[in-house]
Amino acid sequence: FNYNAMKELNEGTQMRSDWVIPICSGGERIRIDGEKAHT
């Protein structure tokens, strides 16, 4: 468990167990012929 790395990733504050991260969308979402490659 890389505690200090997580703390640095969170600007010096202990990383909590609730993570706010957007769903996969935009350019990251892989599409084939306009459809999601994986749902």
Full PDB file with SEQRES, HELIX, SHEET, SSBOND, CRYST1, ORIGX, SCALE, CONECT and MASTER records, all heavy atoms in Angstrom:
SEQRES   1 A   39  PHE ASN TYR ASN ALA MET LYS GLU LEU ASN GLU GLY THR          
SEQRES   2 A   39  GLN MET ARG SER ASP TRP VAL ILE PRO ILE CYS SER GLY          
SEQRES   3 A   39  GLY GLU ARG ILE ARG ILE ASP GLY GLU LYS ALA HIS THR          
HELIX    1 AA1 TYR A    3  LEU A    9  1                                   7    
HELIX    2 AA2 GLY A   26  GLU A   28  5                                   3    
SHEET    1 AA1 2 ARG A  31  ILE A  32  0                                        
SHEET    2 AA1 2 GLU A  35  LYS A  36 -1                                        
CRYST1    1.000    1.000    1.000  90.00  90.00  90.00 P 1           1          
ORIGX1      1.000000  0.000000  0.000000        0.00000                         
ORIGX2      0.000000  1.000000  0.000000        0.00000                         
ORIGX3      0.000000  0.000000  1.000000        0.00000                         
SCALE1      1.000000  0.000000  0.000000        0.00000                         
SCALE2      0.000000  1.000000  0.000000        0.00000                         
SCALE3      0.000000  0.000000  1.000000        0.00000                         
ATOM      1  N   PHE A   1       0.872  -1.180   0.000  1.00  0.00           N  
ATOM      2  CA  PHE A   1       0.000   0.000   0.000  1.00  0.00           C  
ATOM      3  C   PHE A   1       0.902   1.220   0.000  1.00  0.00           C  
ATOM      4  O   PHE A   1       1.591   1.502   0.977  1.00  0.00           O  
ATOM      5  CB  PHE A   1      -0.926   0.030   1.208  1.00  0.00           C  
ATOM      6  CG  PHE A   1      -1.765   1.292   1.264  1.00  0.00           C  
ATOM      7  CD1 PHE A   1      -2.472   1.727   0.146  1.00  0.00           C  
ATOM      8  CD2 PHE A   1      -1.843   2.048   2.424  1.00  0.00           C  
ATOM      9  CE1 PHE A   1      -3.233   2.878   0.174  1.00  0.00           C  
ATOM     10  CE2 PHE A   1      -2.617   3.206   2.464  1.00  0.00           C  
ATOM     11  CZ  PHE A   1      -3.306   3.624   1.343  1.00  0.00           C  
ATOM     12  N   ASN A   2       0.919   1.936  -1.096  1.00  0.00           N  
ATOM     13  CA  ASN A   2       1.789   3.096  -1.255  1.00  0.00           C  
ATOM     14  C   ASN A   2       1.101   4.332  -0.692  1.00  0.00           C  
ATOM     15  O   ASN A   2       0.668   5.234  -1.416  1.00  0.00           O  
ATOM     16  CB  ASN A   2       2.144   3.277  -2.734  1.00  0.00           C  
ATOM     17  CG  ASN A   2       2.903   2.090  -3.275  1.00  0.00           C  
ATOM     18  OD1 ASN A   2       3.810   1.569  -2.621  1.00  0.00           O  
ATOM     19  ND2 ASN A   2       2.550   1.646  -4.469  1.00  0.00           N  
ATOM     20  N   TYR A   3       1.049   4.368   0.638  1.00  0.00           N  
ATOM     21  CA  TYR A   3       0.310   5.417   1.348  1.00  0.00           C  
ATOM     22  C   TYR A   3       0.807   6.811   0.983  1.00  0.00           C  
ATOM     23  O   TYR A   3       0.021   7.707   0.666  1.00  0.00           O  
ATOM     24  CB  TYR A   3       0.424   5.197   2.861  1.00  0.00           C  
ATOM     25  CG  TYR A   3      -0.050   6.371   3.685  1.00  0.00           C  
ATOM     26  CD1 TYR A   3      -1.410   6.555   3.945  1.00  0.00           C  
ATOM     27  CD2 TYR A   3       0.846   7.306   4.200  1.00  0.00           C  
ATOM     28  CE1 TYR A   3      -1.848   7.632   4.688  1.00  0.00           C  
ATOM     29  CE2 TYR A   3       0.417   8.385   4.943  1.00  0.00           C  
ATOM     30  CZ  TYR A   3      -0.931   8.546   5.186  1.00  0.00           C  
ATOM     31  OH  TYR A   3      -1.370   9.620   5.908  1.00  0.00           O  
ATOM     32  N   ASN A   4       2.120   7.002   1.035  1.00  0.00           N  
ATOM     33  CA  ASN A   4       2.666   8.334   0.780  1.00  0.00           C  
ATOM     34  C   ASN A   4       2.474   8.768  -0.672  1.00  0.00           C  
ATOM     35  O   ASN A   4       2.260   9.953  -0.947  1.00  0.00           O  
ATOM     36  CB  ASN A   4       4.144   8.370   1.163  1.00  0.00           C  
ATOM     37  CG  ASN A   4       4.335   8.357   2.667  1.00  0.00           C  
ATOM     38  OD1 ASN A   4       4.062   9.336   3.344  1.00  0.00           O  
ATOM     39  ND2 ASN A   4       4.785   7.231   3.193  1.00  0.00           N  
ATOM     40  N   ALA A   5       2.535   7.812  -1.598  1.00  0.00           N  
ATOM     41  CA  ALA A   5       2.280   8.150  -3.000  1.00  0.00           C  
ATOM     42  C   ALA A   5       0.844   8.618  -3.182  1.00  0.00           C  
ATOM     43  O   ALA A   5       0.568   9.569  -3.923  1.00  0.00           O  
ATOM     44  CB  ALA A   5       2.560   6.941  -3.882  1.00  0.00           C  
ATOM     45  N   MET A   6      -0.095   7.956  -2.498  1.00  0.00           N  
ATOM     46  CA  MET A   6      -1.495   8.366  -2.579  1.00  0.00           C  
ATOM     47  C   MET A   6      -1.700   9.739  -1.951  1.00  0.00           C  
ATOM     48  O   MET A   6      -2.489  10.560  -2.431  1.00  0.00           O  
ATOM     49  CB  MET A   6      -2.391   7.342  -1.879  1.00  0.00           C  
ATOM     50  CG  MET A   6      -2.533   6.018  -2.604  1.00  0.00           C  
ATOM     51  SD  MET A   6      -3.375   6.190  -4.209  1.00  0.00           S  
ATOM     52  CE  MET A   6      -1.963   6.285  -5.321  1.00  0.00           C  
ATOM     53  N   LYS A   7      -0.982   9.987  -0.884  1.00  0.00           N  
ATOM     54  CA  LYS A   7      -1.090  11.296  -0.225  1.00  0.00           C  
ATOM     55  C   LYS A   7      -0.570  12.402  -1.139  1.00  0.00           C  
ATOM     56  O   LYS A   7      -1.179  13.473  -1.254  1.00  0.00           O  
ATOM     57  CB  LYS A   7      -0.312  11.264   1.088  1.00  0.00           C  
ATOM     58  CG  LYS A   7      -0.536  12.471   1.974  1.00  0.00           C  
ATOM     59  CD  LYS A   7       0.154  12.283   3.327  1.00  0.00           C  
ATOM     60  CE  LYS A   7      -0.075  13.492   4.228  1.00  0.00           C  
ATOM     61  NZ  LYS A   7       0.599  13.316   5.539  1.00  0.00           N  
ATOM     62  N   GLU A   8       0.560  12.150  -1.801  1.00  0.00           N  
ATOM     63  CA  GLU A   8       1.103  13.144  -2.730  1.00  0.00           C  
ATOM     64  C   GLU A   8       0.181  13.335  -3.937  1.00  0.00           C  
ATOM     65  O   GLU A   8       0.014  14.448  -4.432  1.00  0.00           O  
ATOM     66  CB  GLU A   8       2.502  12.714  -3.193  1.00  0.00           C  
ATOM     67  CG  GLU A   8       3.556  12.723  -2.098  1.00  0.00           C  
ATOM     68  CD  GLU A   8       3.724  14.090  -1.458  1.00  0.00           C  
ATOM     69  OE1 GLU A   8       3.619  15.110  -2.183  1.00  0.00           O  
ATOM     70  OE2 GLU A   8       3.959  14.151  -0.236  1.00  0.00           O  
ATOM     71  N   LEU A   9      -0.420  12.243  -4.399  1.00  0.00           N  
ATOM     72  CA  LEU A   9      -1.357  12.335  -5.521  1.00  0.00           C  
ATOM     73  C   LEU A   9      -2.540  13.229  -5.160  1.00  0.00           C  
ATOM     74  O   LEU A   9      -3.166  13.836  -6.025  1.00  0.00           O  
ATOM     75  CB  LEU A   9      -1.854  10.933  -5.899  1.00  0.00           C  
ATOM     76  CG  LEU A   9      -2.566  10.772  -7.239  1.00  0.00           C  
ATOM     77  CD1 LEU A   9      -1.609  11.000  -8.402  1.00  0.00           C  
ATOM     78  CD2 LEU A   9      -3.186   9.383  -7.345  1.00  0.00           C  
ATOM     79  N   ASN A  10      -2.833  13.303  -3.857  1.00  0.00           N  
ATOM     80  CA  ASN A  10      -3.963  14.080  -3.352  1.00  0.00           C  
ATOM     81  C   ASN A  10      -3.509  15.397  -2.731  1.00  0.00           C  
ATOM     82  O   ASN A  10      -4.137  15.908  -1.802  1.00  0.00           O  
ATOM     83  CB  ASN A  10      -4.733  13.250  -2.312  1.00  0.00           C  
ATOM     84  CG  ASN A  10      -6.154  13.727  -2.121  1.00  0.00           C  
ATOM     85  OD1 ASN A  10      -6.802  14.168  -3.059  1.00  0.00           O  
ATOM     86  ND2 ASN A  10      -6.636  13.645  -0.894  1.00  0.00           N  
ATOM     87  N   GLU A  11      -2.390  15.942  -3.222  1.00  0.00           N  
ATOM     88  CA  GLU A  11      -1.852  17.234  -2.799  1.00  0.00           C  
ATOM     89  C   GLU A  11      -1.580  17.304  -1.304  1.00  0.00           C  
ATOM     90  O   GLU A  11      -1.901  18.273  -0.625  1.00  0.00           O  
ATOM     91  CB  GLU A  11      -2.788  18.380  -3.221  1.00  0.00           C  
ATOM     92  CG  GLU A  11      -2.892  18.555  -4.731  1.00  0.00           C  
ATOM     93  CD  GLU A  11      -3.609  19.838  -5.124  1.00  0.00           C  
ATOM     94  OE1 GLU A  11      -4.451  20.310  -4.333  1.00  0.00           O  
ATOM     95  OE2 GLU A  11      -3.322  20.351  -6.215  1.00  0.00           O  
ATOM     96  N   GLY A  12      -0.975  16.226  -0.783  1.00  0.00           N  
ATOM     97  CA  GLY A  12      -0.531  16.248   0.598  1.00  0.00           C  
ATOM     98  C   GLY A  12      -1.577  15.874   1.632  1.00  0.00           C  
ATOM     99  O   GLY A  12      -1.303  15.895   2.831  1.00  0.00           O  
ATOM    100  N   THR A  13      -2.775  15.536   1.174  1.00  0.00           N  
ATOM    101  CA  THR A  13      -3.843  15.150   2.088  1.00  0.00           C  
ATOM    102  C   THR A  13      -4.092  13.654   1.970  1.00  0.00           C  
ATOM    103  O   THR A  13      -4.090  13.101   0.872  1.00  0.00           O  
ATOM    104  CB  THR A  13      -5.150  15.908   1.760  1.00  0.00           C  
ATOM    105  OG1 THR A  13      -4.901  17.313   1.843  1.00  0.00           O  
ATOM    106  CG2 THR A  13      -6.258  15.532   2.730  1.00  0.00           C  
ATOM    107  N   GLN A  14      -4.316  13.003   3.103  1.00  0.00           N  
ATOM    108  CA  GLN A  14      -4.557  11.566   3.102  1.00  0.00           C  
ATOM    109  C   GLN A  14      -5.676  11.201   2.124  1.00  0.00           C  
ATOM    110  O   GLN A  14      -6.741  11.802   2.147  1.00  0.00           O  
ATOM    111  CB  GLN A  14      -4.933  11.119   4.515  1.00  0.00           C  
ATOM    112  CG  GLN A  14      -5.036   9.622   4.688  1.00  0.00           C  
ATOM    113  CD  GLN A  14      -5.359   9.246   6.120  1.00  0.00           C  
ATOM    114  OE1 GLN A  14      -6.479   9.432   6.575  1.00  0.00           O  
ATOM    115  NE2 GLN A  14      -4.379   8.712   6.838  1.00  0.00           N  
ATOM    116  N   MET A  15      -5.410  10.212   1.269  1.00  0.00           N  
ATOM    117  CA  MET A  15      -6.406   9.799   0.277  1.00  0.00           C  
ATOM    118  C   MET A  15      -7.583   9.119   0.965  1.00  0.00           C  
ATOM    119  O   MET A  15      -7.404   8.232   1.790  1.00  0.00           O  
ATOM    120  CB  MET A  15      -5.771   8.853  -0.738  1.00  0.00           C  
ATOM    121  CG  MET A  15      -6.705   8.417  -1.864  1.00  0.00           C  
ATOM    122  SD  MET A  15      -7.047   9.733  -3.067  1.00  0.00           S  
ATOM    123  CE  MET A  15      -5.495   9.733  -3.998  1.00  0.00           C  
ATOM    124  N   ARG A  16      -8.781   9.543   0.623  1.00  0.00           N  
ATOM    125  CA  ARG A  16      -9.993   8.980   1.216  1.00  0.00           C  
ATOM    126  C   ARG A  16     -10.513   7.819   0.382  1.00  0.00           C  
ATOM    127  O   ARG A  16     -10.008   7.524  -0.685  1.00  0.00           O  
ATOM    128  CB  ARG A  16     -11.074  10.071   1.315  1.00  0.00           C  
ATOM    129  CG  ARG A  16     -10.746  11.167   2.297  1.00  0.00           C  
ATOM    130  CD  ARG A  16     -11.592  12.419   2.079  1.00  0.00           C  
ATOM    131  NE  ARG A  16     -12.966  12.138   1.717  1.00  0.00           N  
ATOM    132  CZ  ARG A  16     -14.028  12.668   2.340  1.00  0.00           C  
ATOM    133  NH1 ARG A  16     -13.857  13.454   3.386  1.00  0.00           N  
ATOM    134  NH2 ARG A  16     -15.240  12.422   1.924  1.00  0.00           N  
ATOM    135  N   SER A  17     -11.548   7.177   0.915  1.00  0.00           N  
ATOM    136  CA  SER A  17     -12.110   6.005   0.239  1.00  0.00           C  
ATOM    137  C   SER A  17     -13.257   6.362  -0.695  1.00  0.00           C  
ATOM    138  O   SER A  17     -13.929   5.475  -1.209  1.00  0.00           O  
ATOM    139  CB  SER A  17     -12.597   4.980   1.275  1.00  0.00           C  
ATOM    140  OG  SER A  17     -13.620   5.537   2.080  1.00  0.00           O  
ATOM    141  N   ASP A  18     -13.485   7.640  -0.936  1.00  0.00           N  
ATOM    142  CA  ASP A  18     -14.455   8.044  -1.964  1.00  0.00           C  
ATOM    143  C   ASP A  18     -13.695   8.784  -3.055  1.00  0.00           C  
ATOM    144  O   ASP A  18     -13.105   9.818  -2.816  1.00  0.00           O  
ATOM    145  CB  ASP A  18     -15.592   8.893  -1.381  1.00  0.00           C  
ATOM    146  CG  ASP A  18     -15.089  10.092  -0.591  1.00  0.00           C  
ATOM    147  OD1 ASP A  18     -13.946  10.042  -0.082  1.00  0.00           O  
ATOM    148  OD2 ASP A  18     -15.825  11.088  -0.481  1.00  0.00           O  
ATOM    149  N   TRP A  19     -13.717   8.206  -4.246  1.00  0.00           N  
ATOM    150  CA  TRP A  19     -12.942   8.723  -5.363  1.00  0.00           C  
ATOM    151  C   TRP A  19     -13.885   9.351  -6.398  1.00  0.00           C  
ATOM    152  O   TRP A  19     -14.769   8.669  -6.919  1.00  0.00           O  
ATOM    153  CB  TRP A  19     -12.154   7.606  -6.038  1.00  0.00           C  
ATOM    154  CG  TRP A  19     -11.161   6.925  -5.144  1.00  0.00           C  
ATOM    155  CD1 TRP A  19     -10.800   7.260  -3.875  1.00  0.00           C  
ATOM    156  CD2 TRP A  19     -10.380   5.760  -5.483  1.00  0.00           C  
ATOM    157  NE1 TRP A  19      -9.860   6.398  -3.393  1.00  0.00           N  
ATOM    158  CE2 TRP A  19      -9.574   5.466  -4.350  1.00  0.00           C  
ATOM    159  CE3 TRP A  19     -10.290   4.955  -6.611  1.00  0.00           C  
ATOM    160  CZ2 TRP A  19      -8.700   4.386  -4.334  1.00  0.00           C  
ATOM    161  CZ3 TRP A  19      -9.418   3.881  -6.597  1.00  0.00           C  
ATOM    162  CH2 TRP A  19      -8.621   3.600  -5.471  1.00  0.00           C  
ATOM    163  N   VAL A  20     -13.674  10.608  -6.702  1.00  0.00           N  
ATOM    164  CA  VAL A  20     -14.479  11.289  -7.716  1.00  0.00           C  
ATOM    165  C   VAL A  20     -13.715  11.259  -9.037  1.00  0.00           C  
ATOM    166  O   VAL A  20     -12.710  11.954  -9.206  1.00  0.00           O  
ATOM    167  CB  VAL A  20     -14.795  12.738  -7.306  1.00  0.00           C  
ATOM    168  CG1 VAL A  20     -15.666  13.405  -8.367  1.00  0.00           C  
ATOM    169  CG2 VAL A  20     -15.480  12.779  -5.947  1.00  0.00           C  
ATOM    170  N   ILE A  21     -14.170  10.433  -9.954  1.00  0.00           N  
ATOM    171  CA  ILE A  21     -13.514  10.238 -11.250  1.00  0.00           C  
ATOM    172  C   ILE A  21     -14.604  10.126 -12.309  1.00  0.00           C  
ATOM    173  O   ILE A  21     -15.593   9.414 -12.112  1.00  0.00           O  
ATOM    174  CB  ILE A  21     -12.664   8.949 -11.247  1.00  0.00           C  
ATOM    175  CG1 ILE A  21     -11.524   9.057 -10.213  1.00  0.00           C  
ATOM    176  CG2 ILE A  21     -12.095   8.652 -12.626  1.00  0.00           C  
ATOM    177  CD1 ILE A  21     -10.730   7.776 -10.030  1.00  0.00           C  
ATOM    178  N   PRO A  22     -14.472  10.824 -13.441  1.00  0.00           N  
ATOM    179  CA  PRO A  22     -15.511  10.727 -14.475  1.00  0.00           C  
ATOM    180  C   PRO A  22     -15.542   9.363 -15.141  1.00  0.00           C  
ATOM    181  O   PRO A  22     -14.533   8.640 -15.157  1.00  0.00           O  
ATOM    182  CB  PRO A  22     -15.119  11.820 -15.475  1.00  0.00           C  
ATOM    183  CG  PRO A  22     -13.650  12.017 -15.271  1.00  0.00           C  
ATOM    184  CD  PRO A  22     -13.400  11.763 -13.812  1.00  0.00           C  
ATOM    185  N   ILE A  23     -16.700   8.993 -15.675  1.00  0.00           N  
ATOM    186  CA  ILE A  23     -16.808   7.747 -16.425  1.00  0.00           C  
ATOM    187  C   ILE A  23     -16.040   7.881 -17.734  1.00  0.00           C  
ATOM    188  O   ILE A  23     -15.695   8.980 -18.163  1.00  0.00           O  
ATOM    189  CB  ILE A  23     -18.277   7.367 -16.715  1.00  0.00           C  
ATOM    190  CG1 ILE A  23     -18.954   8.444 -17.580  1.00  0.00           C  
ATOM    191  CG2 ILE A  23     -19.046   7.157 -15.428  1.00  0.00           C  
ATOM    192  CD1 ILE A  23     -20.354   8.057 -18.037  1.00  0.00           C  
ATOM    193  N   CYS A  24     -15.754   6.768 -18.343  1.00  0.00           N  
ATOM    194  CA  CYS A  24     -15.009   6.759 -19.594  1.00  0.00           C  
ATOM    195  C   CYS A  24     -15.841   7.403 -20.700  1.00  0.00           C  
ATOM    196  O   CYS A  24     -16.954   6.965 -20.997  1.00  0.00           O  
ATOM    197  CB  CYS A  24     -14.666   5.324 -19.963  1.00  0.00           C  
ATOM    198  SG  CYS A  24     -13.569   5.186 -21.367  1.00  0.00           S  
ATOM    199  N   SER A  25     -15.318   8.462 -21.298  1.00  0.00           N  
ATOM    200  CA  SER A  25     -16.070   9.175 -22.340  1.00  0.00           C  
ATOM    201  C   SER A  25     -15.092   9.898 -23.255  1.00  0.00           C  
ATOM    202  O   SER A  25     -13.874   9.814 -23.080  1.00  0.00           O  
ATOM    203  CB  SER A  25     -17.040  10.180 -21.705  1.00  0.00           C  
ATOM    204  OG  SER A  25     -16.332  11.133 -20.925  1.00  0.00           O  
ATOM    205  N   GLY A  26     -15.620  10.612 -24.213  1.00  0.00           N  
ATOM    206  CA  GLY A  26     -14.786  11.412 -25.109  1.00  0.00           C  
ATOM    207  C   GLY A  26     -13.794  10.580 -25.885  1.00  0.00           C  
ATOM    208  O   GLY A  26     -14.077   9.461 -26.310  1.00  0.00           O  
ATOM    209  N   GLY A  27     -12.577  11.105 -26.025  1.00  0.00           N  
ATOM    210  CA  GLY A  27     -11.559  10.438 -26.819  1.00  0.00           C  
ATOM    211  C   GLY A  27     -11.062   9.149 -26.204  1.00  0.00           C  
ATOM    212  O   GLY A  27     -10.528   8.287 -26.903  1.00  0.00           O  
ATOM    213  N   GLU A  28     -11.236   8.986 -24.884  1.00  0.00           N  
ATOM    214  CA  GLU A  28     -10.776   7.754 -24.239  1.00  0.00           C  
ATOM    215  C   GLU A  28     -11.684   6.573 -24.569  1.00  0.00           C  
ATOM    216  O   GLU A  28     -11.241   5.430 -24.609  1.00  0.00           O  
ATOM    217  CB  GLU A  28     -10.723   7.948 -22.718  1.00  0.00           C  
ATOM    218  CG  GLU A  28     -10.159   6.738 -21.991  1.00  0.00           C  
ATOM    219  CD  GLU A  28     -10.175   6.897 -20.483  1.00  0.00           C  
ATOM    220  OE1 GLU A  28     -10.438   8.020 -19.995  1.00  0.00           O  
ATOM    221  OE2 GLU A  28      -9.931   5.896 -19.784  1.00  0.00           O  
ATOM    222  N   ARG A  29     -12.959   6.851 -24.796  1.00  0.00           N  
ATOM    223  CA  ARG A  29     -13.912   5.777 -25.094  1.00  0.00           C  
ATOM    224  C   ARG A  29     -13.625   5.201 -26.479  1.00  0.00           C  
ATOM    225  O   ARG A  29     -13.643   5.910 -27.481  1.00  0.00           O  
ATOM    226  CB  ARG A  29     -15.332   6.314 -25.032  1.00  0.00           C  
ATOM    227  CG  ARG A  29     -16.398   5.400 -25.557  1.00  0.00           C  
ATOM    228  CD  ARG A  29     -16.578   4.159 -24.701  1.00  0.00           C  
ATOM    229  NE  ARG A  29     -17.310   4.422 -23.470  1.00  0.00           N  
ATOM    230  CZ  ARG A  29     -17.745   3.463 -22.648  1.00  0.00           C  
ATOM    231  NH1 ARG A  29     -17.510   2.193 -22.942  1.00  0.00           N  
ATOM    232  NH2 ARG A  29     -18.376   3.774 -21.552  1.00  0.00           N  
ATOM    233  N   ILE A  30     -13.339   3.924 -26.526  1.00  0.00           N  
ATOM    234  CA  ILE A  30     -13.036   3.267 -27.799  1.00  0.00           C  
ATOM    235  C   ILE A  30     -14.344   2.979 -28.537  1.00  0.00           C  
ATOM    236  O   ILE A  30     -15.266   2.375 -27.966  1.00  0.00           O  
ATOM    237  CB  ILE A  30     -12.268   1.957 -27.570  1.00  0.00           C  
ATOM    238  CG1 ILE A  30     -10.974   2.239 -26.799  1.00  0.00           C  
ATOM    239  CG2 ILE A  30     -11.965   1.266 -28.892  1.00  0.00           C  
ATOM    240  CD1 ILE A  30     -10.245   0.990 -26.364  1.00  0.00           C  
ATOM    241  N   ARG A  31     -14.411   3.401 -29.781  1.00  0.00           N  
ATOM    242  CA  ARG A  31     -15.613   3.179 -30.592  1.00  0.00           C  
ATOM    243  C   ARG A  31     -15.241   2.552 -31.925  1.00  0.00           C  
ATOM    244  O   ARG A  31     -14.171   2.818 -32.480  1.00  0.00           O  
ATOM    245  CB  ARG A  31     -16.366   4.495 -30.828  1.00  0.00           C  
ATOM    246  CG  ARG A  31     -16.907   5.118 -29.552  1.00  0.00           C  
ATOM    247  CD  ARG A  31     -17.688   6.401 -29.817  1.00  0.00           C  
ATOM    248  NE  ARG A  31     -18.179   6.996 -28.589  1.00  0.00           N  
ATOM    249  CZ  ARG A  31     -19.320   6.668 -27.994  1.00  0.00           C  
ATOM    250  NH1 ARG A  31     -20.101   5.747 -28.565  1.00  0.00           N  
ATOM    251  NH2 ARG A  31     -19.699   7.242 -26.871  1.00  0.00           N  
ATOM    252  N   ILE A  32     -16.131   1.730 -32.418  1.00  0.00           N  
ATOM    253  CA  ILE A  32     -15.987   1.111 -33.734  1.00  0.00           C  
ATOM    254  C   ILE A  32     -17.244   1.411 -34.520  1.00  0.00           C  
ATOM    255  O   ILE A  32     -18.356   1.049 -34.098  1.00  0.00           O  
ATOM    256  CB  ILE A  32     -15.762  -0.406 -33.614  1.00  0.00           C  
ATOM    257  CG1 ILE A  32     -14.463  -0.691 -32.843  1.00  0.00           C  
ATOM    258  CG2 ILE A  32     -15.714  -1.049 -34.998  1.00  0.00           C  
ATOM    259  CD1 ILE A  32     -14.210  -2.152 -32.613  1.00  0.00           C  
ATOM    260  N   ASP A  33     -17.072   2.106 -35.641  1.00  0.00           N  
ATOM    261  CA  ASP A  33     -18.221   2.532 -36.458  1.00  0.00           C  
ATOM    262  C   ASP A  33     -19.227   3.307 -35.622  1.00  0.00           C  
ATOM    263  O   ASP A  33     -20.451   3.162 -35.766  1.00  0.00           O  
ATOM    264  CB  ASP A  33     -18.903   1.319 -37.105  1.00  0.00           C  
ATOM    265  CG  ASP A  33     -17.989   0.572 -38.062  1.00  0.00           C  
ATOM    266  OD1 ASP A  33     -17.142   1.238 -38.696  1.00  0.00           O  
ATOM    267  OD2 ASP A  33     -18.112  -0.659 -38.166  1.00  0.00           O  
ATOM    268  N   GLY A  34     -18.719   4.124 -34.732  1.00  0.00           N  
ATOM    269  CA  GLY A  34     -19.582   4.984 -33.927  1.00  0.00           C  
ATOM    270  C   GLY A  34     -20.181   4.334 -32.709  1.00  0.00           C  
ATOM    271  O   GLY A  34     -20.775   5.011 -31.867  1.00  0.00           O  
ATOM    272  N   GLU A  35     -20.032   3.021 -32.554  1.00  0.00           N  
ATOM    273  CA  GLU A  35     -20.600   2.304 -31.410  1.00  0.00           C  
ATOM    274  C   GLU A  35     -19.508   1.981 -30.391  1.00  0.00           C  
ATOM    275  O   GLU A  35     -18.351   1.791 -30.742  1.00  0.00           O  
ATOM    276  CB  GLU A  35     -21.252   0.993 -31.885  1.00  0.00           C  
ATOM    277  CG  GLU A  35     -22.387   1.189 -32.875  1.00  0.00           C  
ATOM    278  CD  GLU A  35     -23.584   1.887 -32.256  1.00  0.00           C  
ATOM    279  OE1 GLU A  35     -23.837   1.659 -31.049  1.00  0.00           O  
ATOM    280  OE2 GLU A  35     -24.257   2.659 -32.968  1.00  0.00           O  
ATOM    281  N   LYS A  36     -19.901   1.930 -29.116  1.00  0.00           N  
ATOM    282  CA  LYS A  36     -18.946   1.577 -28.074  1.00  0.00           C  
ATOM    283  C   LYS A  36     -18.337   0.204 -28.362  1.00  0.00           C  
ATOM    284  O   LYS A  36     -19.067  -0.759 -28.608  1.00  0.00           O  
ATOM    285  CB  LYS A  36     -19.628   1.530 -26.709  1.00  0.00           C  
ATOM    286  CG  LYS A  36     -20.133   2.875 -26.198  1.00  0.00           C  
ATOM    287  CD  LYS A  36     -20.844   2.690 -24.859  1.00  0.00           C  
ATOM    288  CE  LYS A  36     -21.401   3.998 -24.337  1.00  0.00           C  
ATOM    289  NZ  LYS A  36     -22.163   3.806 -23.063  1.00  0.00           N  
ATOM    290  N   ALA A  37     -17.010   0.132 -28.298  1.00  0.00           N  
ATOM    291  CA  ALA A  37     -16.350  -1.156 -28.519  1.00  0.00           C  
ATOM    292  C   ALA A  37     -16.638  -2.113 -27.373  1.00  0.00           C  
ATOM    293  O   ALA A  37     -16.732  -3.321 -27.575  1.00  0.00           O  
ATOM    294  CB  ALA A  37     -14.848  -0.954 -28.671  1.00  0.00           C  
ATOM    295  N   HIS A  38     -16.780  -1.574 -26.175  1.00  0.00           N  
ATOM    296  CA  HIS A  38     -17.096  -2.387 -24.991  1.00  0.00           C  
ATOM    297  C   HIS A  38     -18.028  -1.561 -24.109  1.00  0.00           C  
ATOM    298  O   HIS A  38     -17.747  -0.407 -23.810  1.00  0.00           O  
ATOM    299  CB  HIS A  38     -15.821  -2.760 -24.237  1.00  0.00           C  
ATOM    300  CG  HIS A  38     -16.015  -3.875 -23.259  1.00  0.00           C  
ATOM    301  ND1 HIS A  38     -16.737  -3.728 -22.088  1.00  0.00           N  
ATOM    302  CD2 HIS A  38     -15.572  -5.162 -23.254  1.00  0.00           C  
ATOM    303  CE1 HIS A  38     -16.739  -4.860 -21.423  1.00  0.00           C  
ATOM    304  NE2 HIS A  38     -16.043  -5.760 -22.116  1.00  0.00           N  
ATOM    305  N   THR A  39     -19.104  -2.176 -23.673  1.00  0.00           N  
ATOM    306  CA  THR A  39     -20.132  -1.407 -22.959  1.00  0.00           C  
ATOM    307  C   THR A  39     -19.704  -0.980 -21.563  1.00  0.00           C  
ATOM    308  O   THR A  39     -20.250  -0.009 -21.018  1.00  0.00           O  
ATOM    309  CB  THR A  39     -21.430  -2.229 -22.839  1.00  0.00           C  
ATOM    310  OG1 THR A  39     -21.117  -3.522 -22.323  1.00  0.00           O  
ATOM    311  CG2 THR A  39     -22.106  -2.361 -24.188  1.00  0.00           C  
TER     312      THR A  39                                                      
MASTER        0    0    0    2    2    0    0    6  311    1    0    3          
END                                                                             
